[in-house]
């Protein structure tokens, strides 16, 4: 795409700078990425011009990784600190947010699965197919007599949980293989998965023994988290309003800003 002149108050933004900025704006097409890159550089130039107009003298800082910010980053930071004022949310605002969004403050669901692992490597198609066949046979046996699960686990499972009849204890989302969880989370309590569950470790016969739904955490436990979130959200809104004001007073050539 060939973009026309991009400039802020008469200061042109070179096409080469836009080309370098594209890498920071992944998009479905190069054209879209280029437009987003141009918009980002327009906003940056607006902020830098305003900071210089105000004669700000920034202090360069280092981030947590020891990276030294550039002079321009420091200048923009000083401008936003001077012009964007976001009051700290009080307890009433935090509690209101807590009461309006209870689903965001639940403890994680707990699952108590049991399984029979038939060990086989996906890299060995013959062995893996045989493990699937054995798992299907076990599932058929359990359809007739589900109480045999623990005994079969002790006899045939390649997992250390075999000693406990296949029980894996309580697990949270993310603690087991994703392919395992896809089936686990779809089961009802006491249900044996009707198909073998394939994973990188082999083939599983899976049963969900119990699910403990997450509970609403007390307000006191999440107050600091809510306060930080609201403060950050308020700051972002303040920055957006400040940039909007700069845009209305500037002469901008290039893609329209959102």
C-alpha atoms as a PDB file:
ATOM      1  CA  UNK A   1       0.000   0.000   0.000  1.00  0.00           C
ATOM      2  CA  UNK A   2       1.241   3.475  -0.825  1.00  0.00           C
ATOM      3  CA  UNK A   3       0.207   5.883   1.918  1.00  0.00           C
ATOM      4  CA  UNK A   4      -0.035   9.598   1.304  1.00  0.00           C
ATOM      5  CA  UNK A   5       1.796  12.129   3.449  1.00  0.00           C
ATOM      6  CA  UNK A   6       1.483  11.585   7.205  1.00  0.00           C
ATOM      7  CA  UNK A   7       2.103  14.669   9.308  1.00  0.00           C
ATOM      8  CA  UNK A   8       1.214  16.308  12.621  1.00  0.00           C
ATOM      9  CA  UNK A   9       1.054  20.114  12.723  1.00  0.00           C
ATOM     10  CA  UNK A  10       3.343  20.254   9.718  1.00  0.00           C
ATOM     11  CA  UNK A  11       5.902  17.744  11.037  1.00  0.00           C
ATOM     12  CA  UNK A  12       6.075  14.835   8.621  1.00  0.00           C
ATOM     13  CA  UNK A  13       6.352  11.257   9.815  1.00  0.00           C
ATOM     14  CA  UNK A  14       8.666   9.420   7.384  1.00  0.00           C
ATOM     15  CA  UNK A  15       7.388   6.309   5.638  1.00  0.00           C
ATOM     16  CA  UNK A  16      10.508   4.514   6.852  1.00  0.00           C
ATOM     17  CA  UNK A  17       9.449   5.144  10.463  1.00  0.00           C
ATOM     18  CA  UNK A  18       6.018   3.713   9.707  1.00  0.00           C
ATOM     19  CA  UNK A  19       7.640   0.654   8.135  1.00  0.00           C
ATOM     20  CA  UNK A  20       9.673   0.071  11.313  1.00  0.00           C
ATOM     21  CA  UNK A  21       6.591   0.512  13.517  1.00  0.00           C
ATOM     22  CA  UNK A  22       4.549  -2.100  11.626  1.00  0.00           C
ATOM     23  CA  UNK A  23       6.143  -4.956  13.594  1.00  0.00           C
ATOM     24  CA  UNK A  24       4.378  -3.690  16.745  1.00  0.00           C
ATOM     25  CA  UNK A  25       0.926  -3.934  15.158  1.00  0.00           C
ATOM     26  CA  UNK A  26       0.118  -7.480  14.021  1.00  0.00           C
ATOM     27  CA  UNK A  27      -2.958  -7.548  11.805  1.00  0.00           C
ATOM     28  CA  UNK A  28      -4.721  -9.643   9.186  1.00  0.00           C
ATOM     29  CA  UNK A  29      -3.122  -7.665   6.360  1.00  0.00           C
ATOM     30  CA  UNK A  30      -0.069  -5.501   5.787  1.00  0.00           C
ATOM     31  CA  UNK A  31      -2.348  -2.618   4.841  1.00  0.00           C
ATOM     32  CA  UNK A  32      -4.175  -2.737   8.184  1.00  0.00           C
ATOM     33  CA  UNK A  33      -0.914  -3.039  10.101  1.00  0.00           C
ATOM     34  CA  UNK A  34       0.498  -0.050   8.246  1.00  0.00           C
ATOM     35  CA  UNK A  35      -2.545   2.093   9.063  1.00  0.00           C
ATOM     36  CA  UNK A  36      -2.337   1.141  12.754  1.00  0.00           C
ATOM     37  CA  UNK A  37       1.397   1.892  12.771  1.00  0.00           C
ATOM     38  CA  UNK A  38       0.761   5.322  11.263  1.00  0.00           C
ATOM     39  CA  UNK A  39      -1.929   6.049  13.852  1.00  0.00           C
ATOM     40  CA  UNK A  40       0.407   5.072  16.689  1.00  0.00           C
ATOM     41  CA  UNK A  41       3.142   7.372  15.403  1.00  0.00           C
ATOM     42  CA  UNK A  42       0.666  10.233  14.971  1.00  0.00           C
ATOM     43  CA  UNK A  43      -0.369   9.909  18.623  1.00  0.00           C
ATOM     44  CA  UNK A  44       3.270   9.692  19.685  1.00  0.00           C
ATOM     45  CA  UNK A  45       4.122  12.840  17.739  1.00  0.00           C
ATOM     46  CA  UNK A  46       1.131  14.667  19.226  1.00  0.00           C
ATOM     47  CA  UNK A  47       2.295  13.836  22.736  1.00  0.00           C
ATOM     48  CA  UNK A  48       5.902  14.766  22.067  1.00  0.00           C
ATOM     49  CA  UNK A  49       4.926  18.100  20.546  1.00  0.00           C
ATOM     50  CA  UNK A  50       2.743  18.943  23.544  1.00  0.00           C
ATOM     51  CA  UNK A  51       5.460  17.959  26.021  1.00  0.00           C
ATOM     52  CA  UNK A  52       8.006  20.143  24.232  1.00  0.00           C
ATOM     53  CA  UNK A  53       5.538  23.025  24.011  1.00  0.00           C
ATOM     54  CA  UNK A  54       5.160  22.874  27.787  1.00  0.00           C
ATOM     55  CA  UNK A  55       8.940  22.801  28.248  1.00  0.00           C
ATOM     56  CA  UNK A  56       8.903  19.628  30.338  1.00  0.00           C
ATOM     57  CA  UNK A  57      12.227  18.294  31.637  1.00  0.00           C
ATOM     58  CA  UNK A  58      11.793  14.556  32.127  1.00  0.00           C
ATOM     59  CA  UNK A  59      13.869  12.185  34.232  1.00  0.00           C
ATOM     60  CA  UNK A  60      14.912   9.006  32.452  1.00  0.00           C
ATOM     61  CA  UNK A  61      14.081   5.839  34.399  1.00  0.00           C
ATOM     62  CA  UNK A  62      14.960   2.148  34.225  1.00  0.00           C
ATOM     63  CA  UNK A  63      12.282  -0.541  34.146  1.00  0.00           C
ATOM     64  CA  UNK A  64      12.215  -3.680  36.300  1.00  0.00           C
ATOM     65  CA  UNK A  65      14.414  -5.497  33.785  1.00  0.00           C
ATOM     66  CA  UNK A  66      17.042  -2.771  33.880  1.00  0.00           C
ATOM     67  CA  UNK A  67      16.145  -1.352  30.453  1.00  0.00           C
ATOM     68  CA  UNK A  68      16.750   2.382  30.163  1.00  0.00           C
ATOM     69  CA  UNK A  69      13.818   4.234  28.653  1.00  0.00           C
ATOM     70  CA  UNK A  70      14.498   6.602  25.786  1.00  0.00           C
ATOM     71  CA  UNK A  71      14.387  10.365  26.131  1.00  0.00           C
ATOM     72  CA  UNK A  72      11.148  10.439  24.142  1.00  0.00           C
ATOM     73  CA  UNK A  73       9.546   7.771  26.356  1.00  0.00           C
ATOM     74  CA  UNK A  74      10.540   9.770  29.414  1.00  0.00           C
ATOM     75  CA  UNK A  75       9.117  12.944  27.873  1.00  0.00           C
ATOM     76  CA  UNK A  76       5.769  11.299  27.132  1.00  0.00           C
ATOM     77  CA  UNK A  77       5.697   9.812  30.628  1.00  0.00           C
ATOM     78  CA  UNK A  78       6.305  13.218  32.177  1.00  0.00           C
ATOM     79  CA  UNK A  79       3.521  14.731  30.074  1.00  0.00           C
ATOM     80  CA  UNK A  80       0.957  12.128  31.064  1.00  0.00           C
ATOM     81  CA  UNK A  81       1.948  12.395  34.714  1.00  0.00           C
ATOM     82  CA  UNK A  82       1.472  16.158  34.576  1.00  0.00           C
ATOM     83  CA  UNK A  83      -1.769  16.209  32.597  1.00  0.00           C
ATOM     84  CA  UNK A  84      -3.678  13.059  33.459  1.00  0.00           C
ATOM     85  CA  UNK A  85      -5.084  13.097  36.969  1.00  0.00           C
ATOM     86  CA  UNK A  86      -6.975   9.989  38.073  1.00  0.00           C
ATOM     87  CA  UNK A  87      -8.232   9.933  41.653  1.00  0.00           C
ATOM     88  CA  UNK A  88      -7.808   6.726  43.606  1.00  0.00           C
ATOM     89  CA  UNK A  89     -11.113   4.802  43.764  1.00  0.00           C
ATOM     90  CA  UNK A  90     -12.645   4.727  47.220  1.00  0.00           C
ATOM     91  CA  UNK A  91     -13.931   1.659  49.043  1.00  0.00           C
ATOM     92  CA  UNK A  92     -17.524   2.338  47.982  1.00  0.00           C
ATOM     93  CA  UNK A  93     -16.562   2.320  44.290  1.00  0.00           C
ATOM     94  CA  UNK A  94     -14.582  -0.895  44.752  1.00  0.00           C
ATOM     95  CA  UNK A  95     -17.459  -2.596  46.553  1.00  0.00           C
ATOM     96  CA  UNK A  96     -19.906  -1.484  43.861  1.00  0.00           C
ATOM     97  CA  UNK A  97     -17.695  -3.037  41.178  1.00  0.00           C
ATOM     98  CA  UNK A  98     -17.417  -6.215  43.267  1.00  0.00           C
ATOM     99  CA  UNK A  99     -21.202  -6.492  43.603  1.00  0.00           C
ATOM    100  CA  UNK A 100     -21.807  -5.783  39.906  1.00  0.00           C
ATOM    101  CA  UNK A 101     -19.253  -8.355  38.661  1.00  0.00           C
ATOM    102  CA  UNK A 102     -19.370 -11.323  41.082  1.00  0.00           C
ATOM    103  CA  UNK A 103     -18.371 -13.770  38.322  1.00  0.00           C
ATOM    104  CA  UNK A 104     -14.911 -12.170  38.222  1.00  0.00           C
ATOM    105  CA  UNK A 105     -14.173 -13.008  41.847  1.00  0.00           C
ATOM    106  CA  UNK A 106     -14.863 -16.711  42.075  1.00  0.00           C
ATOM    107  CA  UNK A 107     -12.340 -19.209  43.343  1.00  0.00           C
ATOM    108  CA  UNK A 108     -11.391 -21.749  40.638  1.00  0.00           C
ATOM    109  CA  UNK A 109     -13.535 -24.835  40.096  1.00  0.00           C
ATOM    110  CA  UNK A 110     -12.038 -28.011  41.574  1.00  0.00           C
ATOM    111  CA  UNK A 111     -12.256 -31.386  39.846  1.00  0.00           C
ATOM    112  CA  UNK A 112     -11.689 -34.861  41.244  1.00  0.00           C
ATOM    113  CA  UNK A 113     -10.998 -37.160  38.262  1.00  0.00           C
ATOM    114  CA  UNK A 114      -9.924 -40.768  38.081  1.00  0.00           C
ATOM    115  CA  UNK A 115      -8.300 -42.414  35.090  1.00  0.00           C
ATOM    116  CA  UNK A 116      -6.791 -45.544  33.697  1.00  0.00           C
ATOM    117  CA  UNK A 117      -3.695 -44.748  31.658  1.00  0.00           C
ATOM    118  CA  UNK A 118      -2.675 -47.063  28.866  1.00  0.00           C
ATOM    119  CA  UNK A 119       0.809 -45.814  28.099  1.00  0.00           C
ATOM    120  CA  UNK A 120       1.775 -45.422  24.438  1.00  0.00           C
ATOM    121  CA  UNK A 121       3.725 -42.897  22.424  1.00  0.00           C
ATOM    122  CA  UNK A 122       1.910 -41.011  19.643  1.00  0.00           C
ATOM    123  CA  UNK A 123       5.149 -41.480  17.684  1.00  0.00           C
ATOM    124  CA  UNK A 124       4.436 -45.236  17.552  1.00  0.00           C
ATOM    125  CA  UNK A 125       1.168 -45.521  15.566  1.00  0.00           C
ATOM    126  CA  UNK A 126       0.799 -49.281  16.060  1.00  0.00           C
ATOM    127  CA  UNK A 127       1.275 -49.152  19.837  1.00  0.00           C
ATOM    128  CA  UNK A 128      -1.004 -46.128  20.098  1.00  0.00           C
ATOM    129  CA  UNK A 129      -3.762 -47.816  18.082  1.00  0.00           C
ATOM    130  CA  UNK A 130      -3.506 -50.850  20.321  1.00  0.00           C
ATOM    131  CA  UNK A 131      -3.843 -48.620  23.411  1.00  0.00           C
ATOM    132  CA  UNK A 132      -6.992 -47.075  21.902  1.00  0.00           C
ATOM    133  CA  UNK A 133      -8.414 -50.537  21.232  1.00  0.00           C
ATOM    134  CA  UNK A 134      -7.735 -51.619  24.828  1.00  0.00           C
ATOM    135  CA  UNK A 135      -9.301 -48.419  26.171  1.00  0.00           C
ATOM    136  CA  UNK A 136     -12.450 -49.031  24.105  1.00  0.00           C
ATOM    137  CA  UNK A 137     -12.672 -52.566  25.487  1.00  0.00           C
ATOM    138  CA  UNK A 138     -12.320 -51.267  29.059  1.00  0.00           C
ATOM    139  CA  UNK A 139     -15.049 -48.675  28.467  1.00  0.00           C
ATOM    140  CA  UNK A 140     -17.369 -51.435  27.213  1.00  0.00           C
ATOM    141  CA  UNK A 141     -16.650 -53.470  30.354  1.00  0.00           C
ATOM    142  CA  UNK A 142     -17.363 -50.455  32.568  1.00  0.00           C
ATOM    143  CA  UNK A 143     -20.654 -49.764  30.808  1.00  0.00           C
ATOM    144  CA  UNK A 144     -21.816 -53.136  32.090  1.00  0.00           C
ATOM    145  CA  UNK A 145     -20.229 -52.766  35.536  1.00  0.00           C
ATOM    146  CA  UNK A 146     -18.912 -49.275  36.463  1.00  0.00           C
ATOM    147  CA  UNK A 147     -17.806 -50.542  39.884  1.00  0.00           C
ATOM    148  CA  UNK A 148     -14.897 -52.366  38.251  1.00  0.00           C
ATOM    149  CA  UNK A 149     -13.116 -49.064  37.516  1.00  0.00           C
ATOM    150  CA  UNK A 150     -10.850 -49.111  40.570  1.00  0.00           C
ATOM    151  CA  UNK A 151      -9.888 -52.758  40.148  1.00  0.00           C
ATOM    152  CA  UNK A 152      -9.044 -52.291  36.461  1.00  0.00           C
ATOM    153  CA  UNK A 153      -7.034 -49.178  37.287  1.00  0.00           C
ATOM    154  CA  UNK A 154      -4.966 -51.091  39.849  1.00  0.00           C
ATOM    155  CA  UNK A 155      -4.353 -53.903  37.384  1.00  0.00           C
ATOM    156  CA  UNK A 156      -3.768 -52.042  34.116  1.00  0.00           C
ATOM    157  CA  UNK A 157      -3.071 -48.335  34.613  1.00  0.00           C
ATOM    158  CA  UNK A 158       0.486 -47.159  33.900  1.00  0.00           C
ATOM    159  CA  UNK A 159       0.017 -44.134  36.192  1.00  0.00           C
ATOM    160  CA  UNK A 160       1.145 -44.022  39.816  1.00  0.00           C
ATOM    161  CA  UNK A 161      -2.480 -43.242  40.659  1.00  0.00           C
ATOM    162  CA  UNK A 162      -3.213 -46.929  40.017  1.00  0.00           C
ATOM    163  CA  UNK A 163      -2.512 -47.602  43.692  1.00  0.00           C
ATOM    164  CA  UNK A 164      -5.463 -45.328  44.531  1.00  0.00           C
ATOM    165  CA  UNK A 165      -7.801 -46.917  42.033  1.00  0.00           C
ATOM    166  CA  UNK A 166      -6.966 -44.269  39.438  1.00  0.00           C
ATOM    167  CA  UNK A 167      -7.931 -41.301  41.612  1.00  0.00           C
ATOM    168  CA  UNK A 168      -5.963 -38.138  40.852  1.00  0.00           C
ATOM    169  CA  UNK A 169      -7.143 -36.098  43.817  1.00  0.00           C
ATOM    170  CA  UNK A 170      -8.261 -32.497  43.362  1.00  0.00           C
ATOM    171  CA  UNK A 171      -7.018 -30.671  40.269  1.00  0.00           C
ATOM    172  CA  UNK A 172      -7.459 -27.149  38.923  1.00  0.00           C
ATOM    173  CA  UNK A 173      -7.733 -26.070  35.315  1.00  0.00           C
ATOM    174  CA  UNK A 174      -4.250 -26.017  33.816  1.00  0.00           C
ATOM    175  CA  UNK A 175      -2.826 -28.739  36.038  1.00  0.00           C
ATOM    176  CA  UNK A 176      -3.434 -31.540  33.543  1.00  0.00           C
ATOM    177  CA  UNK A 177      -2.911 -31.883  29.800  1.00  0.00           C
ATOM    178  CA  UNK A 178      -5.221 -29.635  27.701  1.00  0.00           C
ATOM    179  CA  UNK A 179      -6.532 -32.579  25.703  1.00  0.00           C
ATOM    180  CA  UNK A 180      -7.367 -34.334  28.991  1.00  0.00           C
ATOM    181  CA  UNK A 181      -9.201 -31.277  30.337  1.00  0.00           C
ATOM    182  CA  UNK A 182     -11.290 -30.868  27.174  1.00  0.00           C
ATOM    183  CA  UNK A 183     -13.111 -34.107  28.036  1.00  0.00           C
ATOM    184  CA  UNK A 184     -12.908 -33.765  31.831  1.00  0.00           C
ATOM    185  CA  UNK A 185     -14.750 -30.435  31.952  1.00  0.00           C
ATOM    186  CA  UNK A 186     -17.577 -31.808  29.802  1.00  0.00           C
ATOM    187  CA  UNK A 187     -18.384 -34.727  32.137  1.00  0.00           C
ATOM    188  CA  UNK A 188     -21.069 -34.891  34.802  1.00  0.00           C
ATOM    189  CA  UNK A 189     -20.214 -36.123  38.283  1.00  0.00           C
ATOM    190  CA  UNK A 190     -19.879 -39.907  38.269  1.00  0.00           C
ATOM    191  CA  UNK A 191     -19.775 -40.108  34.468  1.00  0.00           C
ATOM    192  CA  UNK A 192     -17.215 -42.197  32.596  1.00  0.00           C
ATOM    193  CA  UNK A 193     -16.112 -40.615  29.335  1.00  0.00           C
ATOM    194  CA  UNK A 194     -17.749 -42.651  26.536  1.00  0.00           C
ATOM    195  CA  UNK A 195     -14.652 -42.488  24.315  1.00  0.00           C
ATOM    196  CA  UNK A 196     -10.935 -42.981  24.943  1.00  0.00           C
ATOM    197  CA  UNK A 197      -9.115 -39.764  25.756  1.00  0.00           C
ATOM    198  CA  UNK A 198      -5.936 -39.402  23.740  1.00  0.00           C
ATOM    199  CA  UNK A 199      -2.991 -37.421  25.069  1.00  0.00           C
ATOM    200  CA  UNK A 200       0.758 -37.124  24.660  1.00  0.00           C
ATOM    201  CA  UNK A 201       1.128 -39.620  27.519  1.00  0.00           C
ATOM    202  CA  UNK A 202      -1.030 -42.332  26.040  1.00  0.00           C
ATOM    203  CA  UNK A 203      -4.718 -43.193  26.081  1.00  0.00           C
ATOM    204  CA  UNK A 204      -6.962 -42.633  29.103  1.00  0.00           C
ATOM    205  CA  UNK A 205     -10.192 -44.068  30.353  1.00  0.00           C
ATOM    206  CA  UNK A 206     -11.554 -41.084  32.267  1.00  0.00           C
ATOM    207  CA  UNK A 207     -14.133 -40.643  35.014  1.00  0.00           C
ATOM    208  CA  UNK A 208     -15.177 -37.496  36.871  1.00  0.00           C
ATOM    209  CA  UNK A 209     -15.906 -38.336  40.479  1.00  0.00           C
ATOM    210  CA  UNK A 210     -16.692 -34.859  41.786  1.00  0.00           C
ATOM    211  CA  UNK A 211     -16.786 -31.206  40.780  1.00  0.00           C
ATOM    212  CA  UNK A 212     -16.601 -28.440  43.379  1.00  0.00           C
ATOM    213  CA  UNK A 213     -17.824 -25.178  41.871  1.00  0.00           C
ATOM    214  CA  UNK A 214     -15.858 -22.028  42.608  1.00  0.00           C
ATOM    215  CA  UNK A 215     -17.175 -19.791  45.370  1.00  0.00           C
ATOM    216  CA  UNK A 216     -17.361 -16.030  45.607  1.00  0.00           C
ATOM    217  CA  UNK A 217     -14.244 -14.704  47.311  1.00  0.00           C
ATOM    218  CA  UNK A 218     -14.827 -12.230  50.164  1.00  0.00           C
ATOM    219  CA  UNK A 219     -14.588  -8.556  49.244  1.00  0.00           C
ATOM    220  CA  UNK A 220     -11.673  -8.054  51.630  1.00  0.00           C
ATOM    221  CA  UNK A 221      -9.627 -10.658  49.744  1.00  0.00           C
ATOM    222  CA  UNK A 222      -9.978  -8.892  46.390  1.00  0.00           C
ATOM    223  CA  UNK A 223     -10.261  -5.233  47.432  1.00  0.00           C
ATOM    224  CA  UNK A 224      -6.652  -4.380  46.507  1.00  0.00           C
ATOM    225  CA  UNK A 225      -7.007  -6.102  43.124  1.00  0.00           C
ATOM    226  CA  UNK A 226     -10.197  -4.178  42.334  1.00  0.00           C
ATOM    227  CA  UNK A 227      -8.678  -0.893  43.461  1.00  0.00           C
ATOM    228  CA  UNK A 228      -5.655  -1.384  41.195  1.00  0.00           C
ATOM    229  CA  UNK A 229      -7.886  -2.355  38.261  1.00  0.00           C
ATOM    230  CA  UNK A 230     -10.181   0.651  38.639  1.00  0.00           C
ATOM    231  CA  UNK A 231      -7.239   2.996  39.039  1.00  0.00           C
ATOM    232  CA  UNK A 232      -5.624   1.623  35.880  1.00  0.00           C
ATOM    233  CA  UNK A 233      -8.918   1.790  33.963  1.00  0.00           C
ATOM    234  CA  UNK A 234      -9.435   5.378  35.100  1.00  0.00           C
ATOM    235  CA  UNK A 235      -5.933   6.307  34.017  1.00  0.00           C
ATOM    236  CA  UNK A 236      -6.460   4.793  30.560  1.00  0.00           C
ATOM    237  CA  UNK A 237      -9.711   6.724  30.141  1.00  0.00           C
ATOM    238  CA  UNK A 238      -7.935   9.892  31.237  1.00  0.00           C
ATOM    239  CA  UNK A 239      -5.167   9.345  28.687  1.00  0.00           C
ATOM    240  CA  UNK A 240      -7.724   8.715  25.934  1.00  0.00           C
ATOM    241  CA  UNK A 241      -9.568  11.938  26.794  1.00  0.00           C
ATOM    242  CA  UNK A 242      -6.309  13.877  26.844  1.00  0.00           C
ATOM    243  CA  UNK A 243      -5.309  12.539  23.423  1.00  0.00           C
ATOM    244  CA  UNK A 244      -8.776  13.320  22.053  1.00  0.00           C
ATOM    245  CA  UNK A 245      -8.309  16.925  23.157  1.00  0.00           C
ATOM    246  CA  UNK A 246      -4.919  17.119  21.435  1.00  0.00           C
ATOM    247  CA  UNK A 247      -6.398  15.668  18.248  1.00  0.00           C
ATOM    248  CA  UNK A 248      -9.159  18.273  18.095  1.00  0.00           C
ATOM    249  CA  UNK A 249      -6.595  21.076  18.280  1.00  0.00           C
ATOM    250  CA  UNK A 250      -4.082  19.608  15.813  1.00  0.00           C
ATOM    251  CA  UNK A 251      -3.694  19.573  12.063  1.00  0.00           C
ATOM    252  CA  UNK A 252      -3.260  15.929  11.118  1.00  0.00           C
ATOM    253  CA  UNK A 253      -2.614  14.428   7.709  1.00  0.00           C
ATOM    254  CA  UNK A 254      -2.943  10.679   7.362  1.00  0.00           C
ATOM    255  CA  UNK A 255      -5.349   7.946   8.493  1.00  0.00           C
ATOM    256  CA  UNK A 256      -8.206   9.076  10.719  1.00  0.00           C
ATOM    257  CA  UNK A 257      -7.695   8.333  14.396  1.00  0.00           C
ATOM    258  CA  UNK A 258     -10.115   6.060  16.229  1.00  0.00           C
END
